[in-house]
Amino acid sequence: MAAGGILGKVTEVKDLYVSIEIASGTVIKLQKSAIANILPKGTIDSI
C-alpha cells in the first residue's frame, strides 16, 4: 500500500524504486519511501 492509498502487487524492486502492478498490464513506479504498509497475500483479491 502506497502512502497515497494505492494498492497493488510488487513486481520489481530496484535501488530506489519499486514497480507495482495496479491493474492487469498497468505498472507504476514509486520511490521506496512512498510505501506505507505491506499487506498479507490475498488482501487485494478479497477487496
PDB file of N, CA and C in Angstrom:
ATOM      1  N   MET A   1       0.845  -1.169   0.000  1.00  0.00           N
ATOM      2  CA  MET A   1       0.000   0.000   0.000  1.00  0.00           C
ATOM      3  C   MET A   1       0.895   1.238   0.000  1.00  0.00           C
ATOM      4  N   ALA A   2       0.673   2.089  -0.964  1.00  0.00           N
ATOM      5  CA  ALA A   2       1.452   3.317  -1.064  1.00  0.00           C
ATOM      6  C   ALA A   2       0.878   4.379  -0.124  1.00  0.00           C
ATOM      7  N   ALA A   3       1.680   5.374   0.167  1.00  0.00           N
ATOM      8  CA  ALA A   3       1.257   6.448   1.063  1.00  0.00           C
ATOM      9  C   ALA A   3       0.012   7.159   0.545  1.00  0.00           C
ATOM     10  N   GLY A   4      -0.182   7.191  -0.750  1.00  0.00           N
ATOM     11  CA  GLY A   4      -1.350   7.840  -1.337  1.00  0.00           C
ATOM     12  C   GLY A   4      -2.588   6.960  -1.369  1.00  0.00           C
ATOM     13  N   GLY A   5      -2.490   5.719  -0.839  1.00  0.00           N
ATOM     14  CA  GLY A   5      -3.630   4.815  -0.790  1.00  0.00           C
ATOM     15  C   GLY A   5      -3.716   3.852  -1.960  1.00  0.00           C
ATOM     16  N   ILE A   6      -2.737   3.838  -2.835  1.00  0.00           N
ATOM     17  CA  ILE A   6      -2.737   2.943  -3.989  1.00  0.00           C
ATOM     18  C   ILE A   6      -2.363   1.536  -3.536  1.00  0.00           C
ATOM     19  N   LEU A   7      -3.180   0.553  -3.939  1.00  0.00           N
ATOM     20  CA  LEU A   7      -2.900  -0.847  -3.643  1.00  0.00           C
ATOM     21  C   LEU A   7      -2.427  -1.530  -4.912  1.00  0.00           C
ATOM     22  N   GLY A   8      -1.490  -2.440  -4.795  1.00  0.00           N
ATOM     23  CA  GLY A   8      -1.016  -3.170  -5.954  1.00  0.00           C
ATOM     24  C   GLY A   8      -0.056  -4.262  -5.559  1.00  0.00           C
ATOM     25  N   LYS A   9       0.380  -5.012  -6.556  1.00  0.00           N
ATOM     26  CA  LYS A   9       1.305  -6.123  -6.357  1.00  0.00           C
ATOM     27  C   LYS A   9       2.704  -5.690  -6.795  1.00  0.00           C
ATOM     28  N   VAL A  10       3.680  -5.874  -5.930  1.00  0.00           N
ATOM     29  CA  VAL A  10       5.061  -5.520  -6.257  1.00  0.00           C
ATOM     30  C   VAL A  10       5.577  -6.494  -7.302  1.00  0.00           C
ATOM     31  N   THR A  11       6.078  -5.944  -8.409  1.00  0.00           N
ATOM     32  CA  THR A  11       6.602  -6.782  -9.483  1.00  0.00           C
ATOM     33  C   THR A  11       8.116  -6.690  -9.621  1.00  0.00           C
ATOM     34  N   GLU A  12       8.707  -5.592  -9.131  1.00  0.00           N
ATOM     35  CA  GLU A  12      10.151  -5.411  -9.255  1.00  0.00           C
ATOM     36  C   GLU A  12      10.626  -4.437  -8.181  1.00  0.00           C
ATOM     37  N   VAL A  13      11.790  -4.733  -7.622  1.00  0.00           N
ATOM     38  CA  VAL A  13      12.392  -3.856  -6.622  1.00  0.00           C
ATOM     39  C   VAL A  13      13.793  -3.491  -7.101  1.00  0.00           C
ATOM     40  N   LYS A  14      14.070  -2.204  -7.168  1.00  0.00           N
ATOM     41  CA  LYS A  14      15.399  -1.704  -7.547  1.00  0.00           C
ATOM     42  C   LYS A  14      15.962  -0.906  -6.390  1.00  0.00           C
ATOM     43  N   ASP A  15      17.086  -0.227  -6.597  1.00  0.00           N
ATOM     44  CA  ASP A  15      17.744   0.510  -5.522  1.00  0.00           C
ATOM     45  C   ASP A  15      16.833   1.528  -4.851  1.00  0.00           C
ATOM     46  N   LEU A  16      16.230   2.418  -5.625  1.00  0.00           N
ATOM     47  CA  LEU A  16      15.409   3.492  -5.061  1.00  0.00           C
ATOM     48  C   LEU A  16      13.924   3.373  -5.387  1.00  0.00           C
ATOM     49  N   TYR A  17      13.571   2.490  -6.337  1.00  0.00           N
ATOM     50  CA  TYR A  17      12.197   2.438  -6.828  1.00  0.00           C
ATOM     51  C   TYR A  17      11.604   1.038  -6.733  1.00  0.00           C
ATOM     52  N   VAL A  18      10.277   0.997  -6.679  1.00  0.00           N
ATOM     53  CA  VAL A  18       9.517  -0.248  -6.658  1.00  0.00           C
ATOM     54  C   VAL A  18       8.499  -0.166  -7.789  1.00  0.00           C
ATOM     55  N   SER A  19       8.384  -1.230  -8.575  1.00  0.00           N
ATOM     56  CA  SER A  19       7.351  -1.302  -9.614  1.00  0.00           C
ATOM     57  C   SER A  19       6.154  -2.036  -9.026  1.00  0.00           C
ATOM     58  N   ILE A  20       4.967  -1.446  -9.189  1.00  0.00           N
ATOM     59  CA  ILE A  20       3.746  -2.014  -8.636  1.00  0.00           C
ATOM     60  C   ILE A  20       2.715  -2.153  -9.738  1.00  0.00           C
ATOM     61  N   GLU A  21       2.136  -3.357  -9.863  1.00  0.00           N
ATOM     62  CA  GLU A  21       1.069  -3.595 -10.832  1.00  0.00           C
ATOM     63  C   GLU A  21      -0.249  -3.265 -10.146  1.00  0.00           C
ATOM     64  N   ILE A  22      -0.939  -2.247 -10.651  1.00  0.00           N
ATOM     65  CA  ILE A  22      -2.181  -1.797 -10.035  1.00  0.00           C
ATOM     66  C   ILE A  22      -3.413  -2.327 -10.764  1.00  0.00           C
ATOM     67  N   ALA A  23      -3.231  -2.805 -11.986  1.00  0.00           N
ATOM     68  CA  ALA A  23      -4.283  -3.437 -12.779  1.00  0.00           C
ATOM     69  C   ALA A  23      -3.581  -4.341 -13.784  1.00  0.00           C
ATOM     70  N   SER A  24      -4.311  -5.210 -14.395  1.00  0.00           N
ATOM     71  CA  SER A  24      -3.717  -6.131 -15.361  1.00  0.00           C
ATOM     72  C   SER A  24      -3.028  -5.346 -16.477  1.00  0.00           C
ATOM     73  N   GLY A  25      -1.702  -5.463 -16.556  1.00  0.00           N
ATOM     74  CA  GLY A  25      -0.940  -4.773 -17.582  1.00  0.00           C
ATOM     75  C   GLY A  25      -0.598  -3.324 -17.266  1.00  0.00           C
ATOM     76  N   THR A  26      -0.978  -2.833 -16.100  1.00  0.00           N
ATOM     77  CA  THR A  26      -0.684  -1.455 -15.711  1.00  0.00           C
ATOM     78  C   THR A  26       0.286  -1.452 -14.543  1.00  0.00           C
ATOM     79  N   VAL A  27       1.515  -0.984 -14.813  1.00  0.00           N
ATOM     80  CA  VAL A  27       2.565  -0.974 -13.796  1.00  0.00           C
ATOM     81  C   VAL A  27       3.018   0.463 -13.576  1.00  0.00           C
ATOM     82  N   ILE A  28       3.136   0.836 -12.308  1.00  0.00           N
ATOM     83  CA  ILE A  28       3.647   2.161 -11.971  1.00  0.00           C
ATOM     84  C   ILE A  28       4.920   2.002 -11.147  1.00  0.00           C
ATOM     85  N   LYS A  29       5.758   3.029 -11.152  1.00  0.00           N
ATOM     86  CA  LYS A  29       6.974   3.024 -10.350  1.00  0.00           C
ATOM     87  C   LYS A  29       6.846   4.063  -9.254  1.00  0.00           C
ATOM     88  N   LEU A  30       7.217   3.670  -8.051  1.00  0.00           N
ATOM     89  CA  LEU A  30       7.178   4.564  -6.902  1.00  0.00           C
ATOM     90  C   LEU A  30       8.519   4.520  -6.192  1.00  0.00           C
ATOM     91  N   GLN A  31       8.835   5.587  -5.494  1.00  0.00           N
ATOM     92  CA  GLN A  31      10.011   5.558  -4.639  1.00  0.00           C
ATOM     93  C   GLN A  31       9.721   4.631  -3.466  1.00  0.00           C
ATOM     94  N   LYS A  32      10.737   3.950  -2.994  1.00  0.00           N
ATOM     95  CA  LYS A  32      10.551   3.052  -1.859  1.00  0.00           C
ATOM     96  C   LYS A  32       9.976   3.775  -0.653  1.00  0.00           C
ATOM     97  N   SER A  33      10.338   5.031  -0.490  1.00  0.00           N
ATOM     98  CA  SER A  33       9.848   5.795   0.659  1.00  0.00           C
ATOM     99  C   SER A  33       8.340   6.043   0.594  1.00  0.00           C
ATOM    100  N   ALA A  34       7.715   5.838  -0.571  1.00  0.00           N
ATOM    101  CA  ALA A  34       6.275   6.046  -0.720  1.00  0.00           C
ATOM    102  C   ALA A  34       5.467   4.838  -0.264  1.00  0.00           C
ATOM    103  N   ILE A  35       6.124   3.734   0.078  1.00  0.00           N
ATOM    104  CA  ILE A  35       5.424   2.546   0.547  1.00  0.00           C
ATOM    105  C   ILE A  35       5.062   2.749   2.015  1.00  0.00           C
ATOM    106  N   ALA A  36       3.762   2.689   2.311  1.00  0.00           N
ATOM    107  CA  ALA A  36       3.292   2.947   3.669  1.00  0.00           C
ATOM    108  C   ALA A  36       3.121   1.663   4.473  1.00  0.00           C
ATOM    109  N   ASN A  37       2.591   0.599   3.855  1.00  0.00           N
ATOM    110  CA  ASN A  37       2.329  -0.666   4.539  1.00  0.00           C
ATOM    111  C   ASN A  37       2.561  -1.833   3.603  1.00  0.00           C
ATOM    112  N   ILE A  38       2.849  -2.976   4.192  1.00  0.00           N
ATOM    113  CA  ILE A  38       2.923  -4.230   3.448  1.00  0.00           C
ATOM    114  C   ILE A  38       1.759  -5.078   3.937  1.00  0.00           C
ATOM    115  N   LEU A  39       0.900  -5.469   3.007  1.00  0.00           N
ATOM    116  CA  LEU A  39      -0.302  -6.213   3.358  1.00  0.00           C
ATOM    117  C   LEU A  39      -0.108  -7.707   3.102  1.00  0.00           C
ATOM    118  N   PRO A  40      -0.803  -8.571   3.830  1.00  0.00           N
ATOM    119  CA  PRO A  40      -0.678 -10.017   3.619  1.00  0.00           C
ATOM    120  C   PRO A  40      -1.201 -10.440   2.252  1.00  0.00           C
ATOM    121  N   LYS A  41      -0.692 -11.574   1.764  1.00  0.00           N
ATOM    122  CA  LYS A  41      -1.160 -12.103   0.483  1.00  0.00           C
ATOM    123  C   LYS A  41      -2.658 -12.312   0.509  1.00  0.00           C
ATOM    124  N   GLY A  42      -3.312 -12.038  -0.614  1.00  0.00           N
ATOM    125  CA  GLY A  42      -4.743 -12.231  -0.736  1.00  0.00           C
ATOM    126  C   GLY A  42      -5.577 -11.030  -0.334  1.00  0.00           C
ATOM    127  N   THR A  43      -4.961 -10.005   0.208  1.00  0.00           N
ATOM    128  CA  THR A  43      -5.709  -8.824   0.648  1.00  0.00           C
ATOM    129  C   THR A  43      -6.394  -8.139  -0.526  1.00  0.00           C
ATOM    130  N   ILE A  44      -5.668  -7.949  -1.616  1.00  0.00           N
ATOM    131  CA  ILE A  44      -6.239  -7.257  -2.783  1.00  0.00           C
ATOM    132  C   ILE A  44      -7.371  -8.072  -3.397  1.00  0.00           C
ATOM    133  N   ASP A  45      -7.217  -9.385  -3.464  1.00  0.00           N
ATOM    134  CA  ASP A  45      -8.264 -10.239  -4.032  1.00  0.00           C
ATOM    135  C   ASP A  45      -9.537 -10.227  -3.200  1.00  0.00           C
ATOM    136  N   SER A  46      -9.408 -10.033  -1.886  1.00  0.00           N
ATOM    137  CA  SER A  46     -10.581 -10.051  -1.018  1.00  0.00           C
ATOM    138  C   SER A  46     -11.352  -8.729  -1.024  1.00  0.00           C
ATOM    139  N   ILE A  47     -10.758  -7.680  -1.607  1.00  0.00           N
ATOM    140  CA  ILE A  47     -11.432  -6.360  -1.616  1.00  0.00           C
ATOM    141  C   ILE A  47     -12.426  -6.300  -2.739  1.00  0.00           C
TER     142      ILE A  47
END
